[in-house]
Protein backbone atom coordinates (compact mmCIF):
# COMPACT_ATOMS: atom_id res chain seq x y z
CA MET A 1 1.85 27.07 76.87
CA LEU A 2 0.40 24.10 74.98
CA LEU A 3 0.52 25.64 71.49
CA PRO A 4 4.29 26.39 71.48
CA LEU A 5 4.96 22.88 72.78
CA VAL A 6 2.86 21.32 70.01
CA ALA A 7 4.55 23.52 67.39
CA ALA A 8 7.98 22.59 68.70
CA ALA A 9 7.12 18.90 68.67
CA PHE A 10 5.82 19.14 65.10
CA SER A 11 8.93 21.04 64.02
CA SER A 12 11.14 18.42 65.64
CA ALA A 13 9.23 15.56 63.99
CA THR A 14 9.44 17.26 60.60
CA ALA A 15 13.17 17.84 60.95
CA GLN A 16 13.71 14.26 62.07
CA SER A 17 11.74 12.87 59.10
CA SER A 18 13.91 14.94 56.75
CA PHE A 19 16.96 13.03 57.96
CA THR A 20 15.44 9.57 57.59
CA ILE A 21 17.54 7.31 55.37
CA VAL A 22 15.41 5.49 52.79
CA ALA A 23 18.23 3.80 50.85
CA VAL A 24 22.03 3.60 50.60
CA VAL A 25 24.00 3.20 47.36
CA ASP A 26 27.71 2.33 47.76
CA GLY A 27 27.66 3.89 51.22
CA ASN A 28 25.97 7.09 50.03
CA PRO A 29 22.64 7.67 51.84
CA ILE A 30 19.46 8.78 50.10
CA MET A 31 17.39 10.87 52.50
CA SER A 32 13.63 11.14 52.74
CA SER A 33 13.99 14.89 52.05
CA GLU A 34 15.54 14.06 48.67
CA VAL A 35 12.59 11.82 47.87
CA ARG A 36 10.16 14.62 48.73
CA ASP A 37 12.10 17.15 46.62
CA THR A 38 12.15 14.76 43.66
CA ILE A 39 8.43 14.15 43.92
CA LYS A 40 7.62 17.85 44.29
CA ALA A 41 9.73 18.85 41.28
CA GLN A 42 7.99 16.34 39.02
CA GLU A 43 4.51 16.79 40.48
CA GLN A 44 4.31 20.49 39.70
CA ILE A 45 5.16 19.83 36.07
CA VAL A 46 2.48 17.18 35.58
CA ARG A 47 -0.11 19.13 37.60
CA TYR A 48 0.23 21.98 35.13
CA GLN A 49 0.44 19.66 32.11
CA PHE A 50 -2.67 17.59 32.95
CA MET A 51 -4.78 20.11 34.85
CA ASN A 52 -7.73 19.42 32.50
CA ASP A 53 -7.45 15.62 32.73
CA PRO A 54 -7.88 14.61 36.39
CA ALA A 55 -7.76 10.86 35.69
CA ARG A 56 -4.49 11.11 33.78
CA LEU A 57 -3.13 13.49 36.44
CA ASN A 58 -3.89 11.03 39.25
CA LYS A 59 -2.26 8.22 37.28
CA GLU A 60 0.89 10.27 36.63
CA LEU A 61 1.12 11.43 40.26
CA ALA A 62 0.76 7.87 41.53
CA ALA A 63 3.52 6.71 39.19
CA ILE A 64 5.87 9.50 40.33
CA ARG A 65 5.35 8.70 44.02
CA ALA A 66 5.69 4.96 43.52
CA SER A 67 8.96 5.22 41.59
CA ALA A 68 10.67 8.07 43.46
CA VAL A 69 13.03 5.97 45.61
CA GLU A 70 14.05 3.68 42.75
CA THR A 71 14.63 6.73 40.54
CA LEU A 72 17.02 8.17 43.13
CA ILE A 73 18.81 4.83 43.48
CA ASP A 74 19.33 4.69 39.72
CA ARG A 75 20.45 8.32 39.80
CA GLU A 76 23.21 7.55 42.31
CA ILE A 77 24.33 4.60 40.22
CA LEU A 78 24.44 6.59 36.99
CA LEU A 79 26.21 9.54 38.63
CA ALA A 80 28.87 7.12 39.85
CA GLU A 81 29.23 5.58 36.39
CA PHE A 82 29.43 9.07 34.87
CA LYS A 83 32.18 10.00 37.30
CA LYS A 84 34.13 6.85 36.37
CA ILE A 85 34.35 7.92 32.72
CA GLY A 86 35.33 11.49 33.67
CA GLY A 87 32.13 12.97 32.28
CA VAL A 88 31.41 16.71 32.29
CA ILE A 89 28.03 18.37 31.62
CA LYS A 90 28.11 21.80 30.03
CA PRO A 91 25.68 24.37 31.55
CA MET A 92 24.06 24.88 28.13
CA TYR A 93 22.76 21.29 28.21
CA VAL A 94 20.94 21.98 31.49
CA ASP A 95 19.61 25.26 30.06
CA ASP A 96 18.24 23.36 27.06
CA ASP A 97 16.61 20.78 29.32
CA ILE A 98 14.83 23.39 31.45
CA ASN A 99 13.79 25.40 28.40
CA THR A 100 12.28 22.24 26.92
CA ILE A 101 10.23 21.70 30.09
CA ILE A 102 9.01 25.31 29.98
CA ARG A 103 8.11 24.99 26.30
CA ASP A 104 6.38 21.61 26.48
CA SER A 105 4.72 21.72 29.91
CA PHE A 106 4.17 25.46 30.42
CA LYS A 107 3.57 26.58 26.82
CA GLY A 108 6.74 28.67 26.92
CA ASN A 109 5.58 30.70 29.92
CA ARG A 110 8.64 31.00 32.18
CA ASP A 111 6.73 33.00 34.81
CA ALA A 112 4.16 30.19 35.11
CA PHE A 113 7.01 27.72 35.52
CA VAL A 114 8.58 29.77 38.33
CA ASP A 115 5.18 30.23 40.00
CA GLU A 116 4.55 26.48 39.99
CA LEU A 117 7.94 25.85 41.56
CA GLY A 118 7.18 28.48 44.18
CA LYS A 119 4.02 26.65 45.22
CA THR A 120 6.17 23.79 46.48
CA GLY A 121 8.80 26.04 48.08
CA MET A 122 11.43 24.98 45.57
CA SER A 123 13.85 27.53 44.14
CA VAL A 124 14.89 27.66 40.51
CA LYS A 125 18.47 26.99 41.65
CA LYS A 126 17.44 23.81 43.46
CA PHE A 127 15.39 22.66 40.48
CA ARG A 128 18.35 23.30 38.18
CA GLU A 129 20.64 21.18 40.37
CA MET A 130 18.15 18.32 40.21
CA ARG A 131 17.74 18.64 36.45
CA GLU A 132 21.52 18.59 35.97
CA LYS A 133 21.57 15.18 37.59
CA MET A 134 18.66 14.10 35.37
CA VAL A 135 20.59 15.25 32.29
CA ILE A 136 23.54 13.11 33.39
CA MET A 137 21.19 10.14 33.77
CA ASN A 138 19.85 10.70 30.26
CA VAL A 139 23.36 10.98 28.83
CA MET A 140 24.40 7.71 30.43
CA ARG A 141 21.28 5.94 29.22
CA ALA A 142 21.78 7.27 25.68
CA ARG A 143 25.38 6.01 25.69
CA ASN A 144 24.08 2.54 26.44
CA SER A 145 21.01 2.39 24.19
CA GLY A 146 22.96 0.04 21.93
CA GLU A 147 22.71 -0.90 18.29
CA HIS A 148 19.55 -2.45 16.90
CA PRO A 149 18.17 -3.12 13.41
CA PRO A 150 15.71 -0.67 11.83
CA ALA A 151 11.99 -1.36 12.10
CA THR A 152 10.72 -3.94 9.63
CA PRO A 153 7.58 -3.36 7.51
CA ARG A 154 5.73 -5.92 9.67
CA GLU A 155 6.73 -4.10 12.88
CA VAL A 156 5.52 -0.80 11.42
CA GLN A 157 2.18 -2.32 10.35
CA ASP A 158 1.62 -3.95 13.75
CA PHE A 159 2.46 -0.71 15.59
CA TYR A 160 0.08 1.23 13.32
CA ASP A 161 -2.78 -1.24 13.88
CA LYS A 162 -2.24 -1.15 17.64
CA ASN A 163 -2.24 2.66 17.91
CA VAL A 164 -4.46 3.87 15.06
CA ASP A 165 -7.29 4.78 17.47
CA LYS A 166 -5.04 7.42 19.05
CA TRP A 167 -4.35 9.11 15.72
CA ARG A 168 -7.77 8.97 14.08
CA GLU A 169 -9.56 12.34 13.71
CA GLY A 170 -13.29 13.09 13.67
CA ASP A 171 -14.45 10.28 15.97
CA GLN A 172 -17.95 10.72 17.35
CA ILE A 173 -19.52 8.76 20.16
CA LYS A 174 -22.84 8.42 21.95
CA ILE A 175 -22.60 7.49 25.60
CA SER A 176 -24.60 7.12 28.77
CA THR A 177 -23.19 7.78 32.23
CA ILE A 178 -23.87 7.15 35.88
CA THR A 179 -22.17 9.65 38.18
CA ILE A 180 -21.75 8.85 41.87
CA PRO A 181 -20.36 11.78 43.92
CA LYS A 182 -17.56 11.03 46.36
CA PHE A 183 -18.95 13.52 48.87
CA THR A 184 -22.71 13.68 49.46
CA GLY A 185 -22.83 15.77 52.62
CA GLU A 186 -24.87 13.06 54.33
CA VAL A 187 -23.89 11.85 57.78
CA GLY A 188 -21.79 8.69 57.58
CA SER A 189 -21.16 8.98 53.85
CA THR A 190 -17.54 8.51 52.74
CA PRO A 191 -15.74 8.23 49.38
CA GLU A 192 -15.09 4.56 50.21
CA LYS A 193 -18.80 3.85 50.68
CA GLN A 194 -19.62 5.76 47.49
CA HIS A 195 -17.03 3.74 45.58
CA LYS A 196 -18.59 0.54 46.92
CA LEU A 197 -21.97 1.80 45.70
CA ALA A 198 -20.54 2.46 42.24
CA GLN A 199 -19.01 -1.04 42.19
CA ASP A 200 -22.32 -2.64 43.18
CA LEU A 201 -24.23 -0.68 40.51
CA ARG A 202 -21.74 -1.62 37.82
CA SER A 203 -21.89 -5.29 38.80
CA LYS A 204 -25.69 -5.30 38.53
CA ILE A 205 -25.56 -3.62 35.10
CA VAL A 206 -22.91 -6.00 33.78
CA GLY A 207 -25.06 -8.82 35.10
CA GLY A 208 -28.00 -7.68 32.98
CA GLY A 209 -29.46 -4.76 34.95
CA ASP A 210 -31.03 -1.84 33.11
CA PHE A 211 -28.53 1.02 32.74
CA ALA A 212 -31.15 3.74 32.15
CA ALA A 213 -33.24 2.76 35.18
CA THR A 214 -30.13 2.62 37.36
CA ALA A 215 -29.02 6.04 36.15
CA LYS A 216 -32.42 7.56 36.91
CA ALA A 217 -32.35 6.11 40.42
CA TYR A 218 -28.75 6.79 41.43
CA SER A 219 -26.88 9.11 39.06
CA GLN A 220 -26.10 12.65 40.17
CA ASP A 221 -25.34 14.41 36.87
CA SER A 222 -27.39 16.47 34.41
CA HIS A 223 -28.17 13.41 32.26
CA ALA A 224 -29.80 11.34 35.01
CA GLU A 225 -33.37 12.20 33.99
CA THR A 226 -32.78 10.79 30.50
CA GLY A 227 -31.36 7.55 31.88
CA GLY A 228 -27.81 8.87 31.65
CA ALA A 229 -28.00 9.28 27.86
CA TRP A 230 -25.95 11.95 26.09
CA ASP A 231 -26.36 13.32 22.57
CA TRP A 232 -23.78 12.49 19.92
CA MET A 233 -20.49 14.15 20.84
CA ALA A 234 -17.15 14.59 19.14
CA LYS A 235 -14.54 12.59 21.02
CA THR A 236 -12.48 15.76 21.43
CA ASP A 237 -15.40 17.53 23.17
CA LEU A 238 -15.53 15.00 26.00
CA MET A 239 -13.28 14.90 29.03
CA PRO A 240 -10.24 12.83 27.99
CA ALA A 241 -10.76 10.19 30.68
CA ILE A 242 -14.38 9.62 29.63
CA ALA A 243 -13.61 9.77 25.90
CA ASN A 244 -10.73 7.31 26.14
CA ALA A 245 -12.72 4.88 28.29
CA ALA A 246 -15.69 5.01 25.91
CA MET A 247 -13.62 4.57 22.75
CA GLU A 248 -11.99 1.45 24.18
CA LEU A 249 -15.41 -0.19 24.59
CA LYS A 250 -17.38 -2.14 22.05
CA THR A 251 -20.88 -0.85 21.40
CA GLY A 252 -22.97 -1.86 24.41
CA GLY A 253 -19.92 -2.18 26.62
CA ILE A 254 -19.61 -0.87 30.18
CA SER A 255 -16.44 0.85 31.39
CA PRO A 256 -14.59 0.20 34.63
CA ILE A 257 -15.29 2.80 37.29
CA ILE A 258 -13.57 6.06 36.33
CA ASP A 259 -12.10 7.86 39.34
CA GLN A 260 -12.44 11.60 38.84
CA GLU A 261 -11.57 14.31 41.35
CA SER A 262 -15.07 14.54 42.86
CA ASN A 263 -16.99 11.66 41.29
CA TYR A 264 -16.99 8.01 40.31
CA ILE A 265 -18.31 7.58 36.78
CA ILE A 266 -19.58 4.54 34.89
CA VAL A 267 -19.72 4.91 31.10
CA ALA A 268 -21.76 2.90 28.61
CA CYS A 269 -20.85 3.04 24.92
CA ASP A 270 -24.17 3.33 23.04
CA ALA A 271 -22.79 3.91 19.53
CA LYS A 272 -19.68 5.07 17.64
CA LYS A 273 -18.92 6.82 14.37
CA LEU A 274 -15.25 6.43 13.59
CA GLY A 275 -13.43 9.28 11.90
CA THR A 276 -10.59 9.24 9.40
CA ALA A 277 -7.35 7.45 10.21
CA PRO A 278 -4.05 8.90 8.97
CA ASP A 279 -2.45 7.08 6.06
CA LEU A 280 0.16 4.52 7.11
CA GLU A 281 2.76 5.93 4.74
CA LYS A 282 2.30 9.37 6.23
CA MET A 283 2.83 7.96 9.72
CA ARG A 284 5.70 5.63 8.78
CA PRO A 285 8.62 7.96 9.72
CA GLU A 286 7.08 8.73 13.12
CA ILE A 287 6.24 5.07 13.76
CA GLU A 288 9.77 3.97 12.86
CA LYS A 289 11.09 6.54 15.32
CA MET A 290 8.81 5.27 18.11
CA ILE A 291 9.76 1.65 17.45
CA ASN A 292 13.41 2.66 17.56
CA GLN A 293 12.80 4.32 20.93
CA GLU A 294 11.17 1.17 22.28
CA LYS A 295 14.13 -0.95 21.19
CA SER A 296 16.54 1.54 22.73
CA LYS A 297 14.61 1.42 26.00
CA ALA A 298 14.81 -2.38 26.02
CA ASN A 299 18.60 -2.16 25.60
CA ILE A 300 18.87 0.46 28.33
CA ASP A 301 16.76 -1.60 30.73
CA LYS A 302 18.99 -4.60 30.10
CA TRP A 303 22.13 -2.51 30.70
CA MET A 304 20.70 -1.01 33.89
CA ASP A 305 19.93 -4.49 35.22
CA SER A 306 23.56 -5.46 34.72
CA VAL A 307 25.08 -2.26 36.15
CA ARG A 308 22.92 -2.37 39.30
CA LYS A 309 24.62 -5.66 40.17
CA LYS A 310 27.98 -3.83 40.36
CA HIS A 311 26.77 -1.55 43.14
CA VAL A 312 25.85 -2.19 46.76
CA ILE A 313 22.23 -1.13 47.30
CA LYS A 314 20.32 -1.20 50.58
CA ARG A 315 16.67 -0.15 50.92
CA PHE A 316 14.97 0.69 54.22
């Protein structure tokens, strides 16, 4: 008799949580179920897109979850503003939006896209309804991106200097690592305790401790016996999270703790050989476009701040 009662209680709790109001915009409630659907729809896309970059995936997932309620609040505001101007979205615009997602995030594989949706229990129809609302949001933002002057030569140069590391090709790097597993199998061991261990080790190294000796004593990867040292590697042959952390360091620098799916990793940059950077003139059109996008976003953010004040918003 106990099992059916437990199942019924769980079902009741789940149903009740689906009808929890998390915010109200102009009297229109936003339900917790809508938040979950929004998160699920976006999560499956980024899970597929960054499946080979766990650190970037975790960062993207955290951002989606943290912003979900505010995204839905802005959606209700923009839908209301769209309705005021008598806006209509043609089905072909939604088709184009979904096809772009399939092309960019699923390499054009529609079956993979449908399979990923299925893993969350979301239908293509439901996803399409959500994307239609996102298209409306994008239309309203584009209408209010405003006028702004073209990028100046100084702005282009500054943008190039700031981002050249991302575009350079042929970078090579020599690193050392200390890998602390999150799960050791030992009684009493937890990811939290392992993270504390990684923090303590990093602090000792930064304070002058010997990296190689520490790696030999504590690291749990295939490079531990050599003091954590790796051979020269092309940046593109390393895991993106490790490569990016290492390239941001000066020679001799120690990275923050990198949180991977199963491990905490500390990276030391032993040496670098920088590759060839693209010519500024070759990059100029793309840079001007990116600067233009940044200026448009600033205008949109300013407009959104003003339009939010016209609506009654309550958060719970």
